[in-house]
């Protein structure tokens, strides 16, 4: 996925901890050089901030199922390494040398999983303990080919990009990968790959309480074909159903798929640009169907995080240091919750609740 945050959103990196509700916010300086990553208790004097690290491209990855924990990841341009840390400012830091930051990672019982080239690696204490090969995906005719007049030489045959890493009940890890012309889900431990026919691009994914999986999918070369919510069978991983979100992939920026307390999943899709603005659509999914859909005003945010059982936090990108809250039952939206507001000049890029 492309970096979804426009370059003018520049501020120092801050992680804000709210001990009472275990809410962590991460705000980031999007820059080619490293910035300061520090911990800040909401409501306290910024002078008490604790420096965690130096880096850039910071993001907070929420939990994706039992055994998984929310974690922070960032990249150091100085050392050309990726670093991971748990949800507290005192959690140990795991550093892995790599020329570029991973776009998707998973922290499962202290083991960090992320993609390097055509593999997903497992890292413990900064050392790679296992390497899992991703399948080479062949172009899927049902996924939509290149547009008329395309003159490139790309064949579409590659391992593609991992968009989601989700643990199974047995502790295995599923990798959702796509090339733009094909997509699949692979159990990294068994090596079994199940094609997801008809879609060239995948977004986020999560496991539901019932054991099935919810994932976003679309046709990269057919911008008029709306993004779909897929329900995958928990045993076979085959597509059990698909539901139209009504959101076109045109201008796609970012998505998030969260396991829900009162829903099977809650999904957000951000679209737009600096000129037309960034719009955010939030959907609740139950039994593979969209039960609630809310289109928020442009500038409301770029991402969501779990709030109470019936709400989500909205933040990121154009929202700057503000955090909003959307009630999924009533559809009411509060664009700025004062007690969750980050310090002036910072930009929230992640929230973890627990």
Protein backbone atom coordinates (compact mmCIF):
# COMPACT_ATOMS: atom_id res chain seq x y z
CA UNK A 1 0.00 0.00 0.00
CA UNK A 2 1.25 3.52 -0.64
CA UNK A 3 2.11 5.74 2.29
CA UNK A 4 -1.35 7.16 3.09
CA UNK A 5 -0.22 10.27 4.92
CA UNK A 6 0.36 13.42 2.82
CA UNK A 7 3.87 14.85 3.22
CA UNK A 8 2.73 18.11 4.83
CA UNK A 9 1.63 16.24 7.95
CA UNK A 10 4.93 16.70 9.78
CA UNK A 11 5.36 16.65 13.55
CA UNK A 12 7.44 14.91 16.15
CA UNK A 13 6.58 11.29 16.92
CA UNK A 14 4.56 10.88 20.13
CA UNK A 15 3.10 7.82 21.83
CA UNK A 16 0.45 8.78 24.34
CA UNK A 17 -0.49 6.35 27.09
CA UNK A 18 -3.74 6.60 28.97
CA UNK A 19 -3.23 4.12 31.80
CA UNK A 20 -6.81 4.04 33.04
CA UNK A 21 -8.26 2.85 29.74
CA UNK A 22 -5.02 1.50 28.30
CA UNK A 23 -5.33 3.79 25.32
CA UNK A 24 -2.17 4.42 23.34
CA UNK A 25 -1.97 6.99 20.58
CA UNK A 26 0.94 7.30 18.21
CA UNK A 27 1.65 10.49 16.32
CA UNK A 28 4.37 10.66 13.75
CA UNK A 29 6.72 12.94 11.87
CA UNK A 30 6.51 11.88 8.25
CA UNK A 31 9.91 12.78 6.97
CA UNK A 32 12.80 11.19 5.14
CA UNK A 33 14.93 11.64 8.26
CA UNK A 34 14.45 10.14 11.71
CA UNK A 35 12.34 11.93 14.30
CA UNK A 36 11.78 11.41 18.00
CA UNK A 37 9.42 8.71 19.24
CA UNK A 38 8.37 9.39 22.81
CA UNK A 39 5.79 8.26 25.36
CA UNK A 40 3.33 10.77 26.79
CA UNK A 41 0.60 10.25 29.40
CA UNK A 42 -2.56 11.99 28.31
CA UNK A 43 -3.13 15.11 30.36
CA UNK A 44 0.42 15.31 31.67
CA UNK A 45 3.07 17.95 31.05
CA UNK A 46 4.86 17.25 27.72
CA UNK A 47 8.10 17.87 29.60
CA UNK A 48 7.59 14.46 31.22
CA UNK A 49 7.58 12.66 27.86
CA UNK A 50 9.86 9.63 27.75
CA UNK A 51 11.93 9.18 24.59
CA UNK A 52 11.44 5.69 23.19
CA UNK A 53 13.43 5.73 19.96
CA UNK A 54 14.57 7.66 16.91
CA UNK A 55 12.80 6.76 13.69
CA UNK A 56 10.19 7.51 11.09
CA UNK A 57 7.24 5.83 9.33
CA UNK A 58 5.79 4.85 12.72
CA UNK A 59 2.48 3.04 13.00
CA UNK A 60 0.57 1.07 15.61
CA UNK A 61 -0.68 -2.36 14.55
CA UNK A 62 -3.82 -3.43 16.46
CA UNK A 63 -4.50 -6.95 17.65
CA UNK A 64 -5.83 -9.44 15.09
CA UNK A 65 -6.94 -12.33 17.30
CA UNK A 66 -6.20 -14.33 20.46
CA UNK A 67 -2.49 -14.50 21.22
CA UNK A 68 -1.81 -11.38 19.14
CA UNK A 69 -0.94 -8.11 20.83
CA UNK A 70 -0.97 -4.56 19.58
CA UNK A 71 2.50 -3.31 18.76
CA UNK A 72 4.37 -0.30 17.48
CA UNK A 73 6.67 -0.46 14.48
CA UNK A 74 8.95 2.17 13.01
CA UNK A 75 11.90 2.50 10.65
CA UNK A 76 15.29 4.05 11.21
CA UNK A 77 16.84 5.73 8.17
CA UNK A 78 20.08 6.03 10.10
CA UNK A 79 20.54 2.32 10.80
CA UNK A 80 18.30 1.07 7.96
CA UNK A 81 16.50 -1.20 10.38
CA UNK A 82 12.94 -1.95 11.38
CA UNK A 83 12.07 -1.84 15.07
CA UNK A 84 9.09 -3.27 16.93
CA UNK A 85 7.88 -2.73 20.47
CA UNK A 86 4.86 -3.77 22.52
CA UNK A 87 2.04 -1.48 23.57
CA UNK A 88 3.80 -0.09 26.66
CA UNK A 89 6.71 2.32 26.73
CA UNK A 90 8.75 -0.19 28.78
CA UNK A 91 8.28 -3.10 26.37
CA UNK A 92 11.49 -4.55 24.90
CA UNK A 93 12.44 -3.37 21.42
CA UNK A 94 13.06 -5.89 18.64
CA UNK A 95 15.31 -4.59 15.85
CA UNK A 96 15.76 -6.32 12.50
CA UNK A 97 18.07 -5.03 9.79
CA UNK A 98 16.24 -4.52 6.50
CA UNK A 99 16.51 -1.94 3.71
CA UNK A 100 12.84 -0.96 3.87
CA UNK A 101 10.05 -0.94 6.44
CA UNK A 102 7.43 -3.70 6.34
CA UNK A 103 3.93 -2.55 5.49
CA UNK A 104 2.31 -5.40 7.43
CA UNK A 105 3.43 -7.10 10.63
CA UNK A 106 2.07 -9.31 13.39
CA UNK A 107 3.15 -9.73 17.01
CA UNK A 108 2.05 -13.18 18.16
CA UNK A 109 3.11 -14.38 21.61
CA UNK A 110 6.37 -12.44 21.36
CA UNK A 111 7.20 -13.53 17.81
CA UNK A 112 7.18 -10.78 15.16
CA UNK A 113 6.14 -11.73 11.63
CA UNK A 114 6.66 -9.51 8.59
CA UNK A 115 7.47 -9.72 4.88
CA UNK A 116 10.93 -9.52 3.35
CA UNK A 117 10.88 -9.88 -0.43
CA UNK A 118 9.06 -13.12 -1.31
CA UNK A 119 9.00 -14.46 2.22
CA UNK A 120 7.42 -13.85 5.59
CA UNK A 121 9.95 -14.12 8.40
CA UNK A 122 9.53 -14.77 12.11
CA UNK A 123 11.75 -12.71 14.39
CA UNK A 124 12.51 -13.24 18.08
CA UNK A 125 14.77 -10.78 19.90
CA UNK A 126 15.87 -9.20 16.63
CA UNK A 127 16.98 -12.49 15.10
CA UNK A 128 15.13 -14.26 12.32
CA UNK A 129 14.08 -17.65 13.65
CA UNK A 130 12.10 -18.93 10.66
CA UNK A 131 11.43 -18.09 7.02
CA UNK A 132 8.22 -18.93 5.20
CA UNK A 133 8.08 -18.73 1.40
CA UNK A 134 5.11 -16.97 -0.13
CA UNK A 135 3.52 -18.57 -3.21
CA UNK A 136 4.18 -17.22 -6.67
CA UNK A 137 0.82 -15.99 -7.91
CA UNK A 138 -0.17 -16.37 -11.55
CA UNK A 139 -2.50 -13.76 -13.15
CA UNK A 140 -6.16 -14.55 -12.58
CA UNK A 141 -8.31 -13.91 -15.70
CA UNK A 142 -11.31 -13.27 -13.43
CA UNK A 143 -9.52 -10.49 -11.57
CA UNK A 144 -9.46 -8.10 -14.54
CA UNK A 145 -6.42 -7.58 -16.74
CA UNK A 146 -4.45 -4.51 -17.68
CA UNK A 147 -6.42 -1.62 -19.18
CA UNK A 148 -6.56 -1.23 -22.98
CA UNK A 149 -3.42 0.32 -24.39
CA UNK A 150 -1.15 -0.85 -21.55
CA UNK A 151 2.40 -1.06 -22.93
CA UNK A 152 4.33 -2.29 -19.91
CA UNK A 153 6.20 -5.58 -19.72
CA UNK A 154 5.08 -6.63 -16.22
CA UNK A 155 3.82 -10.21 -16.38
CA UNK A 156 2.02 -10.16 -13.03
CA UNK A 157 3.88 -13.28 -11.86
CA UNK A 158 5.34 -12.71 -8.38
CA UNK A 159 4.84 -13.36 -4.67
CA UNK A 160 3.13 -9.99 -4.39
CA UNK A 161 2.54 -7.94 -1.27
CA UNK A 162 1.21 -9.18 2.05
CA UNK A 163 -1.72 -7.02 3.16
CA UNK A 164 -2.67 -8.92 6.33
CA UNK A 165 -1.21 -11.48 8.75
CA UNK A 166 -3.84 -13.21 10.88
CA UNK A 167 -3.38 -15.98 13.48
CA UNK A 168 -5.51 -19.13 13.40
CA UNK A 169 -6.98 -20.78 16.52
CA UNK A 170 -4.16 -23.36 16.41
CA UNK A 171 -1.45 -20.70 16.40
CA UNK A 172 -0.59 -20.84 12.71
CA UNK A 173 -0.37 -17.61 10.73
CA UNK A 174 -2.32 -16.79 7.58
CA UNK A 175 -0.76 -14.44 5.02
CA UNK A 176 -3.12 -12.59 2.67
CA UNK A 177 -1.15 -11.64 -0.46
CA UNK A 178 -1.92 -10.12 -3.86
CA UNK A 179 -0.14 -8.86 -6.96
CA UNK A 180 -2.76 -6.60 -8.52
CA UNK A 181 -3.66 -9.43 -10.90
CA UNK A 182 -4.23 -12.29 -8.43
CA UNK A 183 -4.71 -12.89 -4.73
CA UNK A 184 -4.53 -15.76 -2.24
CA UNK A 185 -4.36 -16.68 1.43
CA UNK A 186 -1.57 -18.97 2.65
CA UNK A 187 -1.10 -20.86 5.89
CA UNK A 188 2.58 -20.13 6.45
CA UNK A 189 3.16 -23.15 8.69
CA UNK A 190 1.56 -25.76 6.43
CA UNK A 191 2.31 -24.05 3.12
CA UNK A 192 -1.26 -24.56 1.91
CA UNK A 193 -2.41 -21.76 -0.40
CA UNK A 194 -6.03 -21.03 -1.27
CA UNK A 195 -6.69 -18.76 -4.24
CA UNK A 196 -9.18 -15.92 -3.86
CA UNK A 197 -10.56 -15.86 -7.42
CA UNK A 198 -11.81 -12.71 -9.05
CA UNK A 199 -9.74 -10.19 -7.12
CA UNK A 200 -6.30 -8.74 -7.80
CA UNK A 201 -5.88 -6.70 -4.61
CA UNK A 202 -6.46 -7.47 -0.96
CA UNK A 203 -6.69 -5.18 2.05
CA UNK A 204 -6.92 -5.89 5.74
CA UNK A 205 -8.34 -9.07 7.28
CA UNK A 206 -9.36 -10.42 10.68
CA UNK A 207 -10.73 -13.57 12.29
CA UNK A 208 -14.25 -13.38 13.66
CA UNK A 209 -15.46 -14.80 16.97
CA UNK A 210 -17.19 -17.62 15.08
CA UNK A 211 -13.90 -18.69 13.44
CA UNK A 212 -14.48 -17.38 9.93
CA UNK A 213 -12.34 -14.66 8.34
CA UNK A 214 -13.29 -11.27 6.93
CA UNK A 215 -11.10 -9.60 4.28
CA UNK A 216 -11.33 -6.69 1.86
CA UNK A 217 -10.75 -7.33 -1.85
CA UNK A 218 -11.06 -5.44 -5.13
CA UNK A 219 -10.01 -5.42 -8.77
CA UNK A 220 -7.02 -3.14 -9.14
CA UNK A 221 -7.50 -2.69 -12.88
CA UNK A 222 -11.26 -2.05 -12.72
CA UNK A 223 -11.76 1.13 -10.72
CA UNK A 224 -15.52 1.07 -11.26
CA UNK A 225 -15.82 -2.30 -9.51
CA UNK A 226 -16.51 -1.59 -5.82
CA UNK A 227 -14.40 -2.89 -2.96
CA UNK A 228 -15.90 -6.09 -1.56
CA UNK A 229 -16.13 -7.56 1.94
CA UNK A 230 -15.29 -11.27 1.69
CA UNK A 231 -16.30 -13.89 4.23
CA UNK A 232 -13.89 -16.85 4.19
CA UNK A 233 -14.75 -20.26 5.60
CA UNK A 234 -12.74 -20.86 8.77
CA UNK A 235 -11.69 -24.38 7.70
CA UNK A 236 -11.25 -24.30 3.93
CA UNK A 237 -10.47 -20.55 3.59
CA UNK A 238 -12.60 -20.51 0.48
CA UNK A 239 -14.86 -17.53 -0.18
CA UNK A 240 -18.26 -18.20 1.39
CA UNK A 241 -19.81 -14.86 0.40
CA UNK A 242 -19.01 -11.38 -0.83
CA UNK A 243 -20.75 -8.08 -0.11
CA UNK A 244 -20.47 -4.83 -2.03
CA UNK A 245 -19.23 -1.94 0.13
CA UNK A 246 -20.40 0.66 -2.37
CA UNK A 247 -16.92 2.20 -2.21
CA UNK A 248 -14.87 2.44 -5.39
CA UNK A 249 -11.10 1.77 -5.18
CA UNK A 250 -10.54 5.01 -7.09
CA UNK A 251 -8.35 7.19 -4.89
CA UNK A 252 -7.84 4.37 -2.38
CA UNK A 253 -5.49 5.39 0.44
CA UNK A 254 -5.83 3.07 3.39
CA UNK A 255 -8.08 0.51 5.04
CA UNK A 256 -8.50 -1.12 8.42
CA UNK A 257 -10.35 -4.33 9.35
CA UNK A 258 -10.95 -4.84 13.07
CA UNK A 259 -12.48 -7.75 14.93
CA UNK A 260 -15.55 -6.37 16.67
CA UNK A 261 -17.04 -6.93 20.12
CA UNK A 262 -20.63 -6.40 18.98
CA UNK A 263 -19.99 -7.12 15.27
CA UNK A 264 -18.03 -9.77 13.38
CA UNK A 265 -15.82 -6.99 12.02
CA UNK A 266 -15.63 -3.23 11.63
CA UNK A 267 -14.07 -1.90 8.43
CA UNK A 268 -12.85 1.53 7.38
CA UNK A 269 -11.83 2.64 3.88
CA UNK A 270 -10.15 5.99 3.23
CA UNK A 271 -10.14 7.56 -0.23
CA UNK A 272 -9.16 10.87 -1.79
CA UNK A 273 -6.16 13.15 -2.00
CA UNK A 274 -4.87 16.54 -0.90
CA UNK A 275 -6.98 18.34 -3.51
CA UNK A 276 -10.42 16.74 -3.15
CA UNK A 277 -9.91 15.86 0.51
CA UNK A 278 -9.86 12.54 2.36
CA UNK A 279 -13.18 10.79 2.94
CA UNK A 280 -13.65 7.87 5.31
CA UNK A 281 -16.33 5.15 5.12
CA UNK A 282 -16.91 2.96 8.19
CA UNK A 283 -18.86 -0.30 7.93
CA UNK A 284 -19.99 -2.88 10.46
CA UNK A 285 -20.03 -6.47 9.14
CA UNK A 286 -22.13 -9.35 10.48
CA UNK A 287 -22.31 -12.84 8.95
CA UNK A 288 -20.56 -11.53 5.86
CA UNK A 289 -23.06 -8.72 5.27
CA UNK A 290 -22.68 -4.99 5.82
CA UNK A 291 -25.09 -4.15 8.65
CA UNK A 292 -24.08 -0.50 9.10
CA UNK A 293 -22.40 1.97 6.73
CA UNK A 294 -21.45 5.53 7.64
CA UNK A 295 -19.78 8.04 5.31
CA UNK A 296 -17.94 10.58 7.44
CA UNK A 297 -17.27 14.16 6.31
CA UNK A 298 -14.03 14.83 4.45
CA UNK A 299 -11.16 15.46 6.84
CA UNK A 300 -12.60 13.33 9.67
CA UNK A 301 -9.63 10.99 9.63
CA UNK A 302 -7.82 8.21 7.86
CA UNK A 303 -8.10 5.23 10.21
CA UNK A 304 -10.13 3.66 13.02
CA UNK A 305 -9.44 1.82 16.27
CA UNK A 306 -11.69 -0.12 18.59
CA UNK A 307 -13.54 1.97 21.16
CA UNK A 308 -16.40 0.72 23.30
CA UNK A 309 -18.55 -2.20 22.16
CA UNK A 310 -20.64 0.08 19.96
CA UNK A 311 -18.12 2.71 18.85
CA UNK A 312 -14.79 3.26 17.13
CA UNK A 313 -12.18 5.97 17.41
CA UNK A 314 -11.47 7.92 14.20
CA UNK A 315 -8.09 9.57 13.64
CA UNK A 316 -5.14 10.10 11.33
CA UNK A 317 -4.09 12.18 8.33
CA UNK A 318 -6.20 15.34 8.07
CA UNK A 319 -7.52 14.92 11.62
CA UNK A 320 -4.11 16.01 12.89
CA UNK A 321 -3.88 15.74 16.66
CA UNK A 322 -7.63 15.16 17.11
CA UNK A 323 -9.38 11.88 17.81
CA UNK A 324 -13.06 11.50 16.94
CA UNK A 325 -15.58 8.89 18.03
CA UNK A 326 -18.27 7.22 15.91
CA UNK A 327 -21.23 5.44 17.49
CA UNK A 328 -22.08 2.51 15.22
CA UNK A 329 -25.59 2.15 16.61
CA UNK A 330 -26.84 5.72 16.22
CA UNK A 331 -24.38 6.81 13.51
CA UNK A 332 -23.55 9.93 15.53
CA UNK A 333 -20.02 11.25 15.12
CA UNK A 334 -18.03 13.45 17.50
CA UNK A 335 -15.06 14.81 15.50
CA UNK A 336 -12.96 15.81 18.51
CA UNK A 337 -12.90 14.06 21.90
CA UNK A 338 -10.96 16.54 24.07
CA UNK A 339 -9.54 14.00 26.55
CA UNK A 340 -8.04 11.99 23.68
CA UNK A 341 -6.57 14.94 21.82
CA UNK A 342 -2.83 14.67 21.19
CA UNK A 343 -0.51 17.63 21.93
CA UNK A 344 -0.61 20.47 19.44
CA UNK A 345 1.60 19.89 16.42
CA UNK A 346 1.40 16.11 16.53
CA UNK A 347 -0.52 13.80 14.20
CA UNK A 348 -2.12 10.64 15.59
CA UNK A 349 -1.44 7.54 13.50
CA UNK A 350 -2.50 4.78 15.88
CA UNK A 351 -4.62 3.96 18.91
CA UNK A 352 -4.59 0.77 20.92
CA UNK A 353 -7.29 -0.10 23.46
CA UNK A 354 -7.23 -3.01 25.84
